[in-house]
């Protein structure tokens, strides 16, 4: 869900930038009469999507903090840090360019700054709770994104490429590197145990 919301938000941000570019470079012949309303409503819509994503991931973090699991490793956290903050460099560049040339983009820039700050705070406060939880029903991955892998959706499990590759019945594949979470040998055993109980094909 969070991945989808991120994709939607980034698409809307791109649309805002493209429209702003043509508004500023009016010599292209595209007169955008609704630009003032556009700079109000699209940032508000982006904010609503961001609020929903933010509530969802902070709520999951709070609910699962007390659950036992395999803590994220330093390498795994670095991956989360990189993936979470990568878009922020683009956001900062856009903020600077838009504010320099288009005064009507202040609200949009404020929204991007809030998104950046929330992402950094989530990494800062959530790091201690980032983990992988293995239960008889699901594998829960909790880091900059949170997702649930339900055992009844798993088609096969393959331990290769220095990690585990989980194939789902939807033909989607999820890869977890052995150094993403601490105690690889232990969580590998837990995954194998659950897979055997549920008669899921295992390839070593």
Protein backbone atom coordinates (compact mmCIF):
# COMPACT_ATOMS: atom_id res chain seq x y z
CA UNK A 1 0.00 0.00 0.00
CA UNK A 2 2.74 2.47 0.96
CA UNK A 3 4.60 1.75 -2.27
CA UNK A 4 1.44 2.53 -4.24
CA UNK A 5 0.86 5.76 -2.32
CA UNK A 6 4.48 6.79 -2.89
CA UNK A 7 4.05 6.16 -6.62
CA UNK A 8 0.85 8.23 -6.73
CA UNK A 9 2.44 11.08 -4.80
CA UNK A 10 5.55 11.14 -6.98
CA UNK A 11 3.38 11.10 -10.11
CA UNK A 12 1.36 14.08 -8.83
CA UNK A 13 4.57 15.93 -7.96
CA UNK A 14 5.86 15.31 -11.48
CA UNK A 15 2.59 16.59 -12.95
CA UNK A 16 2.85 19.74 -10.83
CA UNK A 17 6.41 20.36 -12.02
CA UNK A 18 5.54 19.82 -15.70
CA UNK A 19 2.52 22.13 -15.54
CA UNK A 20 4.57 24.76 -13.69
CA UNK A 21 7.28 24.54 -16.34
CA UNK A 22 4.81 25.27 -19.15
CA UNK A 23 3.17 27.99 -17.08
CA UNK A 24 6.51 29.73 -16.57
CA UNK A 25 7.59 29.21 -20.19
CA UNK A 26 4.39 30.59 -21.69
CA UNK A 27 6.11 31.10 -25.05
CA UNK A 28 5.38 27.41 -25.71
CA UNK A 29 1.81 28.56 -26.39
CA UNK A 30 0.11 26.80 -23.51
CA UNK A 31 -1.87 29.36 -21.52
CA UNK A 32 -2.81 27.80 -18.17
CA UNK A 33 -5.66 29.97 -16.89
CA UNK A 34 -6.38 27.65 -13.95
CA UNK A 35 -2.81 27.71 -12.60
CA UNK A 36 -3.67 29.62 -9.43
CA UNK A 37 -6.32 27.03 -8.47
CA UNK A 38 -3.96 24.26 -9.58
CA UNK A 39 -1.24 25.43 -7.15
CA UNK A 40 -3.77 25.26 -4.32
CA UNK A 41 -5.70 22.06 -4.93
CA UNK A 42 -2.96 19.71 -6.15
CA UNK A 43 -0.67 20.36 -3.13
CA UNK A 44 -3.68 19.79 -0.86
CA UNK A 45 -4.43 16.50 -2.63
CA UNK A 46 -0.78 15.45 -2.30
CA UNK A 47 -1.02 16.31 1.41
CA UNK A 48 -4.09 14.10 1.86
CA UNK A 49 -2.36 11.10 0.27
CA UNK A 50 0.75 11.76 2.36
CA UNK A 51 -1.33 11.99 5.56
CA UNK A 52 -2.98 8.64 4.82
CA UNK A 53 0.41 7.00 4.18
CA UNK A 54 1.94 8.62 7.25
CA UNK A 55 -0.90 7.53 9.54
CA UNK A 56 -0.74 4.00 8.16
CA UNK A 57 2.96 3.47 8.66
CA UNK A 58 3.23 5.16 12.05
CA UNK A 59 0.23 3.14 13.27
CA UNK A 60 1.79 -0.15 12.11
CA UNK A 61 5.08 0.82 13.71
CA UNK A 62 3.34 1.50 17.03
CA UNK A 63 1.29 -1.71 16.92
CA UNK A 64 4.26 -3.94 16.06
CA UNK A 65 6.96 -2.34 18.23
CA UNK A 66 6.37 -4.77 21.10
CA UNK A 67 6.29 -7.85 18.84
CA UNK A 68 9.35 -10.09 18.86
CA UNK A 69 11.27 -10.34 15.64
CA UNK A 70 14.63 -10.16 13.95
CA UNK A 71 16.06 -6.67 14.22
CA UNK A 72 17.18 -4.79 11.16
CA UNK A 73 20.93 -4.84 10.60
CA UNK A 74 23.10 -1.79 9.98
CA UNK A 75 23.28 -2.80 6.32
CA UNK A 76 19.52 -3.20 6.15
CA UNK A 77 19.01 0.20 7.73
CA UNK A 78 21.39 1.80 5.24
CA UNK A 79 19.24 0.36 2.43
CA UNK A 80 16.09 1.80 4.04
CA UNK A 81 17.82 5.14 4.54
CA UNK A 82 18.88 5.25 0.90
CA UNK A 83 15.49 4.24 -0.50
CA UNK A 84 13.55 6.61 1.77
CA UNK A 85 15.75 9.65 1.20
CA UNK A 86 16.57 9.22 -2.50
CA UNK A 87 13.49 11.19 -3.67
CA UNK A 88 14.28 13.95 -1.16
CA UNK A 89 17.27 15.15 -3.18
CA UNK A 90 14.96 15.66 -6.15
CA UNK A 91 12.42 17.39 -3.92
CA UNK A 92 15.03 19.84 -2.59
CA UNK A 93 16.18 20.65 -6.12
CA UNK A 94 12.58 21.24 -7.22
CA UNK A 95 11.86 23.44 -4.20
CA UNK A 96 14.83 25.69 -4.96
CA UNK A 97 14.07 25.97 -8.69
CA UNK A 98 10.35 26.58 -8.25
CA UNK A 99 10.74 29.19 -5.51
CA UNK A 100 13.34 31.04 -7.55
CA UNK A 101 11.15 31.36 -10.62
CA UNK A 102 7.50 30.89 -9.60
CA UNK A 103 6.20 32.61 -6.48
CA UNK A 104 2.91 30.69 -6.57
CA UNK A 105 4.65 27.42 -5.66
CA UNK A 106 5.17 28.28 -1.97
CA UNK A 107 2.42 25.93 -0.75
CA UNK A 108 3.73 23.09 -2.91
CA UNK A 109 7.26 23.67 -1.55
CA UNK A 110 6.01 23.65 2.04
CA UNK A 111 4.26 20.32 1.42
CA UNK A 112 7.49 18.81 0.05
CA UNK A 113 9.47 20.09 3.03
CA UNK A 114 6.95 18.49 5.42
CA UNK A 115 7.20 15.19 3.52
CA UNK A 116 11.00 15.29 3.81
CA UNK A 117 10.91 16.05 7.54
CA UNK A 118 8.39 13.29 8.25
CA UNK A 119 10.50 10.77 6.35
CA UNK A 120 13.63 11.69 8.32
CA UNK A 121 11.75 11.56 11.63
CA UNK A 122 10.28 8.16 10.77
CA UNK A 123 13.74 6.76 10.10
CA UNK A 124 15.12 8.38 13.27
CA UNK A 125 12.40 7.19 15.65
CA UNK A 126 11.50 3.98 13.89
CA UNK A 127 14.95 2.46 13.54
CA UNK A 128 14.78 0.64 16.89
CA UNK A 129 11.49 -0.95 15.86
CA UNK A 130 12.47 -2.01 12.33
CA UNK A 131 12.41 -5.80 12.15
CA UNK A 132 11.14 -8.93 10.44
CA UNK A 133 8.42 -10.84 12.28
CA UNK A 134 7.66 -14.44 11.33
CA UNK A 135 4.32 -15.87 12.47
CA UNK A 136 2.25 -18.93 11.43
CA UNK A 137 0.14 -16.61 9.25
CA UNK A 138 2.53 -14.01 7.88
CA UNK A 139 6.02 -12.70 7.40
CA UNK A 140 5.96 -9.05 8.39
CA UNK A 141 8.64 -6.73 7.05
CA UNK A 142 8.88 -3.54 9.04
CA UNK A 143 11.26 -0.83 7.87
CA UNK A 144 10.79 2.36 5.80
CA UNK A 145 7.96 0.39 4.19
CA UNK A 146 5.78 -2.19 5.90
CA UNK A 147 4.29 -5.15 4.15
CA UNK A 148 2.78 -8.49 5.04
CA UNK A 149 3.55 -11.72 3.20
CA UNK A 150 0.71 -14.15 3.89
CA UNK A 151 1.73 -17.79 3.88
CA UNK A 152 -1.39 -18.86 1.99
CA UNK A 153 -0.22 -16.65 -0.89
CA UNK A 154 3.30 -18.09 -1.01
CA UNK A 155 3.98 -20.50 -3.88
CA UNK A 156 7.65 -21.30 -3.28
CA UNK A 157 10.70 -20.24 -1.32
CA UNK A 158 14.23 -20.26 -2.66
CA UNK A 159 17.35 -19.63 -0.60
CA UNK A 160 19.74 -18.17 -3.14
CA UNK A 161 21.51 -14.94 -4.12
CA UNK A 162 22.66 -14.61 -0.48
CA UNK A 163 19.14 -14.33 0.83
CA UNK A 164 15.61 -15.66 0.38
CA UNK A 165 13.44 -15.27 -2.70
CA UNK A 166 9.73 -15.66 -1.98
CA UNK A 167 7.47 -16.37 -4.95
CA UNK A 168 3.79 -15.57 -4.52
CA UNK A 169 0.80 -17.08 -6.28
CA UNK A 170 0.32 -13.72 -8.03
CA UNK A 171 3.75 -14.30 -9.69
CA UNK A 172 5.22 -11.45 -7.67
CA UNK A 173 8.61 -12.12 -6.09
CA UNK A 174 9.97 -10.64 -2.87
CA UNK A 175 13.67 -10.79 -2.09
CA UNK A 176 15.12 -10.46 1.42
CA UNK A 177 18.92 -10.32 1.64
CA UNK A 178 20.57 -12.31 4.41
CA UNK A 179 22.22 -9.16 5.76
CA UNK A 180 18.99 -7.12 5.86
CA UNK A 181 18.13 -8.49 9.30
CA UNK A 182 20.23 -9.91 12.13
CA UNK A 183 20.60 -13.67 12.81
CA UNK A 184 20.13 -14.92 9.26
CA UNK A 185 20.56 -18.59 10.22
CA UNK A 186 17.81 -18.29 12.82
CA UNK A 187 15.22 -16.55 10.66
CA UNK A 188 16.08 -18.89 7.79
CA UNK A 189 15.19 -21.82 10.08
CA UNK A 190 11.92 -20.13 11.06
CA UNK A 191 10.95 -19.58 7.44
CA UNK A 192 11.85 -23.16 6.51
CA UNK A 193 9.86 -24.47 9.46
CA UNK A 194 6.72 -22.57 8.51
CA UNK A 195 7.13 -23.49 4.85
CA UNK A 196 7.42 -27.21 5.68
CA UNK A 197 4.32 -27.06 7.89
CA UNK A 198 2.37 -25.45 5.06
CA UNK A 199 3.81 -27.79 2.40
CA UNK A 200 5.37 -24.96 0.43
CA UNK A 201 8.10 -25.89 -2.03
CA UNK A 202 11.60 -25.00 -0.76
CA UNK A 203 14.68 -24.76 -2.93
CA UNK A 204 18.09 -24.53 -1.25
